[in-house]
Every structure is written in C-alpha cells, then in structure tokens.
Amino acid sequence: MAKTYERFEDLPVWQEAIRLVDGVYNLTESKEWKGSRSLRDQIERAALSVSNNIAEGFERGTTNELLAFLYIARGSAGEVRSMLCFLERRGGLHISNLKFQI
C-alpha cells in the first residue's frame, strides 16, 4: 500500500531537494567559489526551484499537477547539475558529492 503524505515537508524527494539547496549555498558561500555573481545567483535560484516546484505541485492537490511540477523540478535539477559540471571543468572544484545528490 502506498504511503499518503499530508505535507510536502514529509516527502523524501522534497527533503533531498532541500539538502541540495543547502549544498549549493554552502558551495556558493565558500572561499572556493570561483563563479561569477550572476552564476552564483542562477545556481542558487535553480537549486531552490527544485524544492519550490515539488512543494507547489504537492499543494495543487491533483496528481496531474503534481506530476507536471515534478517534471519542472527535474528540469531545474538538470540545470543545477549542468552548472556544477561547468564549474568543475573551469575551476577544478571537487563537487561530485553535490552532483551525486541530483
């Protein structure tokens, strides 16, 4: 029997998305950050978009809308992963732990 969730905060996927946001913010606030300010803003927004879209889809209350927002969240996760790959190539940052979470 499938588990029913009452709040988006209880969803394991949302909890992982919040861990991703924490990881991205830890990276962008670190001394090792080598990206521009605009790249920092973009990767932070994209990371936060993952958890926000999961939450918004859940709160819409229908399965179809939840699925649509999960696909949007997946796209945002891909955007974050792409930027992490770029940063790793450009600056030699070792961020495979963060990429693994995506």
PDB file of N, CA and C in Angstrom:
ATOM      1  N   MET A   1       0.844  -1.184   0.000  1.00  0.00           N
ATOM      2  CA  MET A   1       0.000   0.000   0.000  1.00  0.00           C
ATOM      3  C   MET A   1       0.889   1.249   0.000  1.00  0.00           C
ATOM      4  N   ALA A   2       0.550   2.198  -0.835  1.00  0.00           N
ATOM      5  CA  ALA A   2       1.327   3.424  -0.952  1.00  0.00           C
ATOM      6  C   ALA A   2       1.107   4.315   0.261  1.00  0.00           C
ATOM      7  N   LYS A   3       2.175   4.983   0.654  1.00  0.00           N
ATOM      8  CA  LYS A   3       2.088   5.899   1.786  1.00  0.00           C
ATOM      9  C   LYS A   3       1.447   7.206   1.320  1.00  0.00           C
ATOM     10  N   THR A   4       0.595   7.765   2.150  1.00  0.00           N
ATOM     11  CA  THR A   4      -0.040   9.047   1.873  1.00  0.00           C
ATOM     12  C   THR A   4       0.637  10.116   2.719  1.00  0.00           C
ATOM     13  N   TYR A   5       0.991  11.199   2.070  1.00  0.00           N
ATOM     14  CA  TYR A   5       1.653  12.302   2.765  1.00  0.00           C
ATOM     15  C   TYR A   5       0.669  13.450   2.932  1.00  0.00           C
ATOM     16  N   GLU A   6       0.695  14.043   4.109  1.00  0.00           N
ATOM     17  CA  GLU A   6      -0.191  15.170   4.406  1.00  0.00           C
ATOM     18  C   GLU A   6       0.471  16.512   4.095  1.00  0.00           C
ATOM     19  N   ARG A   7       1.793  16.550   4.189  1.00  0.00           N
ATOM     20  CA  ARG A   7       2.538  17.803   3.997  1.00  0.00           C
ATOM     21  C   ARG A   7       3.705  17.553   3.046  1.00  0.00           C
ATOM     22  N   PHE A   8       4.026  18.533   2.216  1.00  0.00           N
ATOM     23  CA  PHE A   8       5.142  18.349   1.295  1.00  0.00           C
ATOM     24  C   PHE A   8       6.458  18.188   2.041  1.00  0.00           C
ATOM     25  N   GLU A   9       6.547  18.768   3.244  1.00  0.00           N
ATOM     26  CA  GLU A   9       7.778  18.666   4.029  1.00  0.00           C
ATOM     27  C   GLU A   9       8.112  17.225   4.411  1.00  0.00           C
ATOM     28  N   ASP A  10       7.116  16.349   4.368  1.00  0.00           N
ATOM     29  CA  ASP A  10       7.331  14.940   4.703  1.00  0.00           C
ATOM     30  C   ASP A  10       7.769  14.103   3.500  1.00  0.00           C
ATOM     31  N   LEU A  11       7.690  14.663   2.316  1.00  0.00           N
ATOM     32  CA  LEU A  11       8.073  13.924   1.111  1.00  0.00           C
ATOM     33  C   LEU A  11       9.586  13.717   1.078  1.00  0.00           C
ATOM     34  N   PRO A  12      10.055  12.490   0.933  1.00  0.00           N
ATOM     35  CA  PRO A  12      11.503  12.257   0.849  1.00  0.00           C
ATOM     36  C   PRO A  12      12.160  13.038  -0.292  1.00  0.00           C
ATOM     37  N   VAL A  13      11.479  13.185  -1.421  1.00  0.00           N
ATOM     38  CA  VAL A  13      12.060  13.911  -2.544  1.00  0.00           C
ATOM     39  C   VAL A  13      12.231  15.394  -2.206  1.00  0.00           C
ATOM     40  N   TRP A  14      11.297  15.970  -1.470  1.00  0.00           N
ATOM     41  CA  TRP A  14      11.434  17.371  -1.062  1.00  0.00           C
ATOM     42  C   TRP A  14      12.585  17.517  -0.069  1.00  0.00           C
ATOM     43  N   GLN A  15      12.717  16.570   0.856  1.00  0.00           N
ATOM     44  CA  GLN A  15      13.809  16.604   1.830  1.00  0.00           C
ATOM     45  C   GLN A  15      15.169  16.538   1.132  1.00  0.00           C
ATOM     46  N   GLU A  16      15.277  15.705   0.099  1.00  0.00           N
ATOM     47  CA  GLU A  16      16.526  15.632  -0.670  1.00  0.00           C
ATOM     48  C   GLU A  16      16.766  16.937  -1.428  1.00  0.00           C
ATOM     49  N   ALA A  17      15.706  17.534  -1.941  1.00  0.00           N
ATOM     50  CA  ALA A  17      15.843  18.801  -2.658  1.00  0.00           C
ATOM     51  C   ALA A  17      16.347  19.900  -1.730  1.00  0.00           C
ATOM     52  N   ILE A  18      15.893  19.906  -0.490  1.00  0.00           N
ATOM     53  CA  ILE A  18      16.374  20.890   0.484  1.00  0.00           C
ATOM     54  C   ILE A  18      17.849  20.647   0.804  1.00  0.00           C
ATOM     55  N   ARG A  19      18.244  19.376   0.864  1.00  0.00           N
ATOM     56  CA  ARG A  19      19.669  19.065   1.059  1.00  0.00           C
ATOM     57  C   ARG A  19      20.493  19.611  -0.105  1.00  0.00           C
ATOM     58  N   LEU A  20      19.949  19.524  -1.314  1.00  0.00           N
ATOM     59  CA  LEU A  20      20.628  20.077  -2.483  1.00  0.00           C
ATOM     60  C   LEU A  20      20.801  21.588  -2.340  1.00  0.00           C
ATOM     61  N   VAL A  21      19.745  22.284  -1.943  1.00  0.00           N
ATOM     62  CA  VAL A  21      19.829  23.740  -1.754  1.00  0.00           C
ATOM     63  C   VAL A  21      20.899  24.074  -0.717  1.00  0.00           C
ATOM     64  N   ASP A  22      20.905  23.344   0.390  1.00  0.00           N
ATOM     65  CA  ASP A  22      21.934  23.565   1.414  1.00  0.00           C
ATOM     66  C   ASP A  22      23.329  23.389   0.826  1.00  0.00           C
ATOM     67  N   GLY A  23      23.512  22.324   0.052  1.00  0.00           N
ATOM     68  CA  GLY A  23      24.820  22.066  -0.548  1.00  0.00           C
ATOM     69  C   GLY A  23      25.244  23.156  -1.509  1.00  0.00           C
ATOM     70  N   VAL A  24      24.304  23.629  -2.325  1.00  0.00           N
ATOM     71  CA  VAL A  24      24.616  24.696  -3.275  1.00  0.00           C
ATOM     72  C   VAL A  24      24.975  25.976  -2.525  1.00  0.00           C
ATOM     73  N   TYR A  25      24.204  26.331  -1.517  1.00  0.00           N
ATOM     74  CA  TYR A  25      24.511  27.542  -0.752  1.00  0.00           C
ATOM     75  C   TYR A  25      25.841  27.405  -0.018  1.00  0.00           C
ATOM     76  N   ASN A  26      26.138  26.224   0.511  1.00  0.00           N
ATOM     77  CA  ASN A  26      27.445  26.016   1.145  1.00  0.00           C
ATOM     78  C   ASN A  26      28.567  26.237   0.141  1.00  0.00           C
ATOM     79  N   LEU A  27      28.370  25.775  -1.089  1.00  0.00           N
ATOM     80  CA  LEU A  27      29.374  25.959  -2.133  1.00  0.00           C
ATOM     81  C   LEU A  27      29.521  27.431  -2.496  1.00  0.00           C
ATOM     82  N   THR A  28      28.404  28.109  -2.756  1.00  0.00           N
ATOM     83  CA  THR A  28      28.486  29.496  -3.224  1.00  0.00           C
ATOM     84  C   THR A  28      28.950  30.462  -2.136  1.00  0.00           C
ATOM     85  N   GLU A  29      28.804  30.074  -0.881  1.00  0.00           N
ATOM     86  CA  GLU A  29      29.259  30.925   0.218  1.00  0.00           C
ATOM     87  C   GLU A  29      30.677  30.583   0.669  1.00  0.00           C
ATOM     88  N   SER A  30      31.287  29.570   0.045  1.00  0.00           N
ATOM     89  CA  SER A  30      32.621  29.140   0.462  1.00  0.00           C
ATOM     90  C   SER A  30      33.708  29.982  -0.200  1.00  0.00           C
ATOM     91  N   LYS A  31      34.897  29.912   0.363  1.00  0.00           N
ATOM     92  CA  LYS A  31      36.050  30.614  -0.204  1.00  0.00           C
ATOM     93  C   LYS A  31      36.460  30.014  -1.540  1.00  0.00           C
ATOM     94  N   GLU A  32      36.072  28.780  -1.775  1.00  0.00           N
ATOM     95  CA  GLU A  32      36.461  28.085  -3.003  1.00  0.00           C
ATOM     96  C   GLU A  32      35.594  28.466  -4.201  1.00  0.00           C
ATOM     97  N   TRP A  33      34.547  29.248  -3.987  1.00  0.00           N
ATOM     98  CA  TRP A  33      33.655  29.617  -5.083  1.00  0.00           C
ATOM     99  C   TRP A  33      34.434  30.395  -6.129  1.00  0.00           C
ATOM    100  N   LYS A  34      34.370  29.932  -7.369  1.00  0.00           N
ATOM    101  CA  LYS A  34      35.123  30.557  -8.451  1.00  0.00           C
ATOM    102  C   LYS A  34      34.211  31.143  -9.529  1.00  0.00           C
ATOM    103  N   GLY A  35      32.918  31.036  -9.333  1.00  0.00           N
ATOM    104  CA  GLY A  35      31.983  31.530 -10.333  1.00  0.00           C
ATOM    105  C   GLY A  35      31.680  33.006 -10.152  1.00  0.00           C
ATOM    106  N   SER A  36      31.071  33.584 -11.164  1.00  0.00           N
ATOM    107  CA  SER A  36      30.677  34.988 -11.110  1.00  0.00           C
ATOM    108  C   SER A  36      29.462  35.156 -10.197  1.00  0.00           C
ATOM    109  N   ARG A  37      29.161  36.399  -9.903  1.00  0.00           N
ATOM    110  CA  ARG A  37      27.985  36.693  -9.080  1.00  0.00           C
ATOM    111  C   ARG A  37      26.701  36.258  -9.789  1.00  0.00           C
ATOM    112  N   SER A  38      26.632  36.485 -11.096  1.00  0.00           N
ATOM    113  CA  SER A  38      25.417  36.096 -11.820  1.00  0.00           C
ATOM    114  C   SER A  38      25.269  34.577 -11.876  1.00  0.00           C
ATOM    115  N   LEU A  39      26.375  33.850 -12.008  1.00  0.00           N
ATOM    116  CA  LEU A  39      26.307  32.390 -11.985  1.00  0.00           C
ATOM    117  C   LEU A  39      25.896  31.898 -10.602  1.00  0.00           C
ATOM    118  N   ARG A  40      26.417  32.550  -9.575  1.00  0.00           N
ATOM    119  CA  ARG A  40      26.024  32.184  -8.204  1.00  0.00           C
ATOM    120  C   ARG A  40      24.519  32.373  -8.023  1.00  0.00           C
ATOM    121  N   ASP A  41      24.016  33.518  -8.448  1.00  0.00           N
ATOM    122  CA  ASP A  41      22.579  33.774  -8.318  1.00  0.00           C
ATOM    123  C   ASP A  41      21.759  32.755  -9.104  1.00  0.00           C
ATOM    124  N   GLN A  42      22.219  32.426 -10.309  1.00  0.00           N
ATOM    125  CA  GLN A  42      21.472  31.492 -11.151  1.00  0.00           C
ATOM    126  C   GLN A  42      21.450  30.093 -10.548  1.00  0.00           C
ATOM    127  N   ILE A  43      22.580  29.609 -10.052  1.00  0.00           N
ATOM    128  CA  ILE A  43      22.612  28.253  -9.496  1.00  0.00           C
ATOM    129  C   ILE A  43      21.824  28.183  -8.185  1.00  0.00           C
ATOM    130  N   GLU A  44      21.864  29.260  -7.398  1.00  0.00           N
ATOM    131  CA  GLU A  44      21.063  29.280  -6.163  1.00  0.00           C
ATOM    132  C   GLU A  44      19.572  29.274  -6.485  1.00  0.00           C
ATOM    133  N   ARG A  45      19.165  30.078  -7.469  1.00  0.00           N
ATOM    134  CA  ARG A  45      17.747  30.118  -7.856  1.00  0.00           C
ATOM    135  C   ARG A  45      17.286  28.776  -8.417  1.00  0.00           C
ATOM    136  N   ALA A  46      18.113  28.166  -9.247  1.00  0.00           N
ATOM    137  CA  ALA A  46      17.741  26.874  -9.839  1.00  0.00           C
ATOM    138  C   ALA A  46      17.631  25.795  -8.764  1.00  0.00           C
ATOM    139  N   ALA A  47      18.566  25.793  -7.811  1.00  0.00           N
ATOM    140  CA  ALA A  47      18.519  24.791  -6.737  1.00  0.00           C
ATOM    141  C   ALA A  47      17.263  24.976  -5.891  1.00  0.00           C
ATOM    142  N   LEU A  48      16.950  26.212  -5.554  1.00  0.00           N
ATOM    143  CA  LEU A  48      15.759  26.478  -4.759  1.00  0.00           C
ATOM    144  C   LEU A  48      14.487  26.154  -5.543  1.00  0.00           C
ATOM    145  N   SER A  49      14.548  26.310  -6.852  1.00  0.00           N
ATOM    146  CA  SER A  49      13.405  25.999  -7.702  1.00  0.00           C
ATOM    147  C   SER A  49      13.020  24.523  -7.629  1.00  0.00           C
ATOM    148  N   VAL A  50      13.992  23.647  -7.399  1.00  0.00           N
ATOM    149  CA  VAL A  50      13.688  22.217  -7.310  1.00  0.00           C
ATOM    150  C   VAL A  50      12.709  21.968  -6.166  1.00  0.00           C
ATOM    151  N   SER A  51      13.074  22.405  -4.963  1.00  0.00           N
ATOM    152  CA  SER A  51      12.196  22.168  -3.807  1.00  0.00           C
ATOM    153  C   SER A  51      10.903  22.972  -3.908  1.00  0.00           C
ATOM    154  N   ASN A  52      10.977  24.183  -4.436  1.00  0.00           N
ATOM    155  CA  ASN A  52       9.768  25.003  -4.561  1.00  0.00           C
ATOM    156  C   ASN A  52       8.751  24.382  -5.512  1.00  0.00           C
ATOM    157  N   ASN A  53       9.216  23.815  -6.615  1.00  0.00           N
ATOM    158  CA  ASN A  53       8.287  23.188  -7.562  1.00  0.00           C
ATOM    159  C   ASN A  53       7.677  21.914  -7.000  1.00  0.00           C
ATOM    160  N   ILE A  54       8.440  21.167  -6.224  1.00  0.00           N
ATOM    161  CA  ILE A  54       7.877  19.985  -5.562  1.00  0.00           C
ATOM    162  C   ILE A  54       6.772  20.423  -4.604  1.00  0.00           C
ATOM    163  N   ALA A  55       7.056  21.454  -3.817  1.00  0.00           N
ATOM    164  CA  ALA A  55       6.070  21.955  -2.855  1.00  0.00           C
ATOM    165  C   ALA A  55       4.826  22.490  -3.564  1.00  0.00           C
ATOM    166  N   GLU A  56       5.032  23.279  -4.616  1.00  0.00           N
ATOM    167  CA  GLU A  56       3.885  23.856  -5.319  1.00  0.00           C
ATOM    168  C   GLU A  56       3.024  22.770  -5.957  1.00  0.00           C
ATOM    169  N   GLY A  57       3.654  21.800  -6.583  1.00  0.00           N
ATOM    170  CA  GLY A  57       2.897  20.709  -7.187  1.00  0.00           C
ATOM    171  C   GLY A  57       2.098  19.924  -6.165  1.00  0.00           C
ATOM    172  N   PHE A  58       2.702  19.673  -5.004  1.00  0.00           N
ATOM    173  CA  PHE A  58       2.010  18.952  -3.939  1.00  0.00           C
ATOM    174  C   PHE A  58       0.797  19.736  -3.464  1.00  0.00           C
ATOM    175  N   GLU A  59       0.972  21.029  -3.268  1.00  0.00           N
ATOM    176  CA  GLU A  59      -0.106  21.872  -2.742  1.00  0.00           C
ATOM    177  C   GLU A  59      -1.236  22.079  -3.741  1.00  0.00           C
ATOM    178  N   ARG A  60      -0.996  21.838  -5.020  1.00  0.00           N
ATOM    179  CA  ARG A  60      -2.062  21.969  -6.014  1.00  0.00           C
ATOM    180  C   ARG A  60      -3.153  20.939  -5.785  1.00  0.00           C
ATOM    181  N   GLY A  61      -2.787  19.787  -5.210  1.00  0.00           N
ATOM    182  CA  GLY A  61      -3.795  18.821  -4.794  1.00  0.00           C
ATOM    183  C   GLY A  61      -4.227  17.784  -5.815  1.00  0.00           C
ATOM    184  N   THR A  62      -3.724  17.863  -7.042  1.00  0.00           N
ATOM    185  CA  THR A  62      -4.090  16.843  -8.024  1.00  0.00           C
ATOM    186  C   THR A  62      -2.838  16.101  -8.477  1.00  0.00           C
ATOM    187  N   THR A  63      -3.025  14.848  -8.821  1.00  0.00           N
ATOM    188  CA  THR A  63      -1.899  14.032  -9.270  1.00  0.00           C
ATOM    189  C   THR A  63      -1.289  14.588 -10.549  1.00  0.00           C
ATOM    190  N   ASN A  64      -2.127  15.009 -11.477  1.00  0.00           N
ATOM    191  CA  ASN A  64      -1.612  15.541 -12.743  1.00  0.00           C
ATOM    192  C   ASN A  64      -0.762  16.784 -12.538  1.00  0.00           C
ATOM    193  N   GLU A  65      -1.218  17.683 -11.680  1.00  0.00           N
ATOM    194  CA  GLU A  65      -0.424  18.890 -11.437  1.00  0.00           C
ATOM    195  C   GLU A  65       0.851  18.563 -10.674  1.00  0.00           C
ATOM    196  N   LEU A  66       0.771  17.650  -9.726  1.00  0.00           N
ATOM    197  CA  LEU A  66       1.984  17.235  -9.016  1.00  0.00           C
ATOM    198  C   LEU A  66       3.005  16.683 -10.004  1.00  0.00           C
ATOM    199  N   LEU A  67       2.567  15.820 -10.901  1.00  0.00           N
ATOM    200  CA  LEU A  67       3.486  15.254 -11.892  1.00  0.00           C
ATOM    201  C   LEU A  67       4.093  16.336 -12.779  1.00  0.00           C
ATOM    202  N   ALA A  68       3.282  17.290 -13.198  1.00  0.00           N
ATOM    203  CA  ALA A  68       3.791  18.375 -14.041  1.00  0.00           C
ATOM    204  C   ALA A  68       4.876  19.159 -13.310  1.00  0.00           C
ATOM    205  N   PHE A  69       4.638  19.473 -12.043  1.00  0.00           N
ATOM    206  CA  PHE A  69       5.621  20.238 -11.279  1.00  0.00           C
ATOM    207  C   PHE A  69       6.853  19.402 -10.942  1.00  0.00           C
ATOM    208  N   LEU A  70       6.681  18.090 -10.800  1.00  0.00           N
ATOM    209  CA  LEU A  70       7.847  17.226 -10.588  1.00  0.00           C
ATOM    210  C   LEU A  70       8.749  17.235 -11.820  1.00  0.00           C
ATOM    211  N   TYR A  71       8.149  17.269 -13.001  1.00  0.00           N
ATOM    212  CA  TYR A  71       8.956  17.366 -14.221  1.00  0.00           C
ATOM    213  C   TYR A  71       9.688  18.702 -14.296  1.00  0.00           C
ATOM    214  N   ILE A  72       9.036  19.766 -13.875  1.00  0.00           N
ATOM    215  CA  ILE A  72       9.696  21.073 -13.842  1.00  0.00           C
ATOM    216  C   ILE A  72      10.851  21.038 -12.845  1.00  0.00           C
ATOM    217  N   ALA A  73      10.624  20.438 -11.675  1.00  0.00           N
ATOM    218  CA  ALA A  73      11.681  20.315 -10.668  1.00  0.00           C
ATOM    219  C   ALA A  73      12.853  19.515 -11.223  1.00  0.00           C
ATOM    220  N   ARG A  74      12.546  18.466 -11.969  1.00  0.00           N
ATOM    221  CA  ARG A  74      13.606  17.657 -12.573  1.00  0.00           C
ATOM    222  C   ARG A  74      14.423  18.492 -13.561  1.00  0.00           C
ATOM    223  N   GLY A  75      13.754  19.331 -14.317  1.00  0.00           N
ATOM    224  CA  GLY A  75      14.460  20.223 -15.234  1.00  0.00           C
ATOM    225  C   GLY A  75      15.371  21.190 -14.500  1.00  0.00           C
ATOM    226  N   SER A  76      14.902  21.725 -13.384  1.00  0.00           N
ATOM    227  CA  SER A  76      15.731  22.625 -12.579  1.00  0.00           C
ATOM    228  C   SER A  76      16.933  21.887 -12.008  1.00  0.00           C
ATOM    229  N   ALA A  77      16.735  20.638 -11.597  1.00  0.00           N
ATOM    230  CA  ALA A  77      17.855  19.834 -11.091  1.00  0.00           C
ATOM    231  C   ALA A  77      18.891  19.620 -12.192  1.00  0.00           C
ATOM    232  N   GLY A  78      18.430  19.411 -13.420  1.00  0.00           N
ATOM    233  CA  GLY A  78      19.358  19.281 -14.539  1.00  0.00           C
ATOM    234  C   GLY A  78      20.133  20.560 -14.781  1.00  0.00           C
ATOM    235  N   GLU A  79      19.466  21.689 -14.618  1.00  0.00           N
ATOM    236  CA  GLU A  79      20.132  22.986 -14.761  1.00  0.00           C
ATOM    237  C   GLU A  79      21.234  23.137 -13.710  1.00  0.00           C
ATOM    238  N   VAL A  80      20.938  22.762 -12.477  1.00  0.00           N
ATOM    239  CA  VAL A  80      21.947  22.828 -11.408  1.00  0.00           C
ATOM    240  C   VAL A  80      23.115  21.910 -11.745  1.00  0.00           C
ATOM    241  N   ARG A  81      22.804  20.694 -12.161  1.00  0.00           N
ATOM    242  CA  ARG A  81      23.863  19.730 -12.476  1.00  0.00           C
ATOM    243  C   ARG A  81      24.745  20.240 -13.612  1.00  0.00           C
ATOM    244  N   SER A  82      24.147  20.849 -14.617  1.00  0.00           N
ATOM    245  CA  SER A  82      24.910  21.404 -15.731  1.00  0.00           C
ATOM    246  C   SER A  82      25.862  22.504 -15.261  1.00  0.00           C
ATOM    247  N   MET A  83      25.377  23.387 -14.400  1.00  0.00           N
ATOM    248  CA  MET A  83      26.241  24.456 -13.887  1.00  0.00           C
ATOM    249  C   MET A  83      27.357  23.894 -13.017  1.00  0.00           C
ATOM    250  N   LEU A  84      27.063  22.858 -12.242  1.00  0.00           N
ATOM    251  CA  LEU A  84      28.104  22.235 -11.425  1.00  0.00           C
ATOM    252  C   LEU A  84      29.179  21.601 -12.305  1.00  0.00           C
ATOM    253  N   CYS A  85      28.763  20.971 -13.395  1.00  0.00           N
ATOM    254  CA  CYS A  85      29.736  20.390 -14.331  1.00  0.00           C
ATOM    255  C   CYS A  85      30.622  21.481 -14.919  1.00  0.00           C
ATOM    256  N   PHE A  86      30.012  22.590 -15.307  1.00  0.00           N
ATOM    257  CA  PHE A  86      30.770  23.715 -15.845  1.00  0.00           C
ATOM    258  C   PHE A  86      31.776  24.230 -14.821  1.00  0.00           C
ATOM    259  N   LEU A  87      31.322  24.431 -13.593  1.00  0.00           N
ATOM    260  CA  LEU A  87      32.215  24.939 -12.546  1.00  0.00           C
ATOM    261  C   LEU A  87      33.356  23.973 -12.263  1.00  0.00           C
ATOM    262  N   GLU A  88      33.052  22.699 -12.287  1.00  0.00           N
ATOM    263  CA  GLU A  88      34.084  21.697 -12.040  1.00  0.00           C
ATOM    264  C   GLU A  88      35.139  21.745 -13.147  1.00  0.00           C
ATOM    265  N   ARG A  89      34.699  21.900 -14.380  1.00  0.00           N
ATOM    266  CA  ARG A  89      35.635  21.971 -15.508  1.00  0.00           C
ATOM    267  C   ARG A  89      36.464  23.243 -15.472  1.00  0.00           C
ATOM    268  N   ARG A  90      35.845  24.349 -15.105  1.00  0.00           N
ATOM    269  CA  ARG A  90      36.539  25.642 -15.122  1.00  0.00           C
ATOM    270  C   ARG A  90      37.473  25.849 -13.948  1.00  0.00           C
ATOM    271  N   GLY A  91      37.019  25.457 -12.761  1.00  0.00           N
ATOM    272  CA  GLY A  91      37.781  25.838 -11.583  1.00  0.00           C
ATOM    273  C   GLY A  91      38.400  24.704 -10.806  1.00  0.00           C
ATOM    274  N   GLY A  92      38.219  23.498 -11.270  1.00  0.00           N
ATOM    275  CA  GLY A  92      38.792  22.382 -10.541  1.00  0.00           C
ATOM    276  C   GLY A  92      38.119  22.099  -9.213  1.00  0.00           C
ATOM    277  N   LEU A  93      36.896  22.604  -9.043  1.00  0.00           N
ATOM    278  CA  LEU A  93      36.173  22.311  -7.806  1.00  0.00           C
ATOM    279  C   LEU A  93      35.817  20.836  -7.767  1.00  0.00           C
ATOM    280  N   HIS A  94      35.899  20.253  -6.611  1.00  0.00           N
ATOM    281  CA  HIS A  94      35.522  18.849  -6.442  1.00  0.00           C
ATOM    282  C   HIS A  94      34.124  18.820  -5.835  1.00  0.00           C
ATOM    283  N   ILE A  95      33.155  18.694  -6.683  1.00  0.00           N
ATOM    284  CA  ILE A  95      31.772  18.797  -6.244  1.00  0.00           C
ATOM    285  C   ILE A  95      30.975  17.556  -6.595  1.00  0.00           C
ATOM    286  N   SER A  96      31.647  16.425  -6.756  1.00  0.00           N
ATOM    287  CA  SER A  96      30.929  15.213  -7.143  1.00  0.00           C
ATOM    288  C   SER A  96      29.919  14.784  -6.098  1.00  0.00           C
ATOM    289  N   ASN A  97      30.153  15.065  -4.819  1.00  0.00           N
ATOM    290  CA  ASN A  97      29.159  14.736  -3.788  1.00  0.00           C
ATOM    291  C   ASN A  97      27.855  15.463  -4.062  1.00  0.00           C
ATOM    292  N   LEU A  98      27.949  16.724  -4.408  1.00  0.00           N
ATOM    293  CA  LEU A  98      26.759  17.525  -4.673  1.00  0.00           C
ATOM    294  C   LEU A  98      26.077  17.055  -5.956  1.00  0.00           C
ATOM    295  N   LYS A  99      26.845  16.755  -6.987  1.00  0.00           N
ATOM    296  CA  LYS A  99      26.255  16.268  -8.238  1.00  0.00           C
ATOM    297  C   LYS A  99      25.564  14.930  -8.021  1.00  0.00           C
ATOM    298  N   PHE A 100      26.090  14.111  -7.131  1.00  0.00           N
ATOM    299  CA  PHE A 100      25.501  12.802  -6.864  1.00  0.00           C
ATOM    300  C   PHE A 100      24.104  12.944  -6.269  1.00  0.00           C
ATOM    301  N   GLN A 101      23.862  14.011  -5.518  1.00  0.00           N
ATOM    302  CA  GLN A 101      22.553  14.225  -4.894  1.00  0.00           C
ATOM    303  C   GLN A 101      21.480  14.551  -5.926  1.00  0.00           C
ATOM    304  N   ILE A 102      21.879  15.027  -7.080  1.00  0.00           N
ATOM    305  CA  ILE A 102      20.908  15.493  -8.073  1.00  0.00           C
ATOM    306  C   ILE A 102      20.343  14.320  -8.850  1.00  0.00           C
TER     307      ILE A 102
END
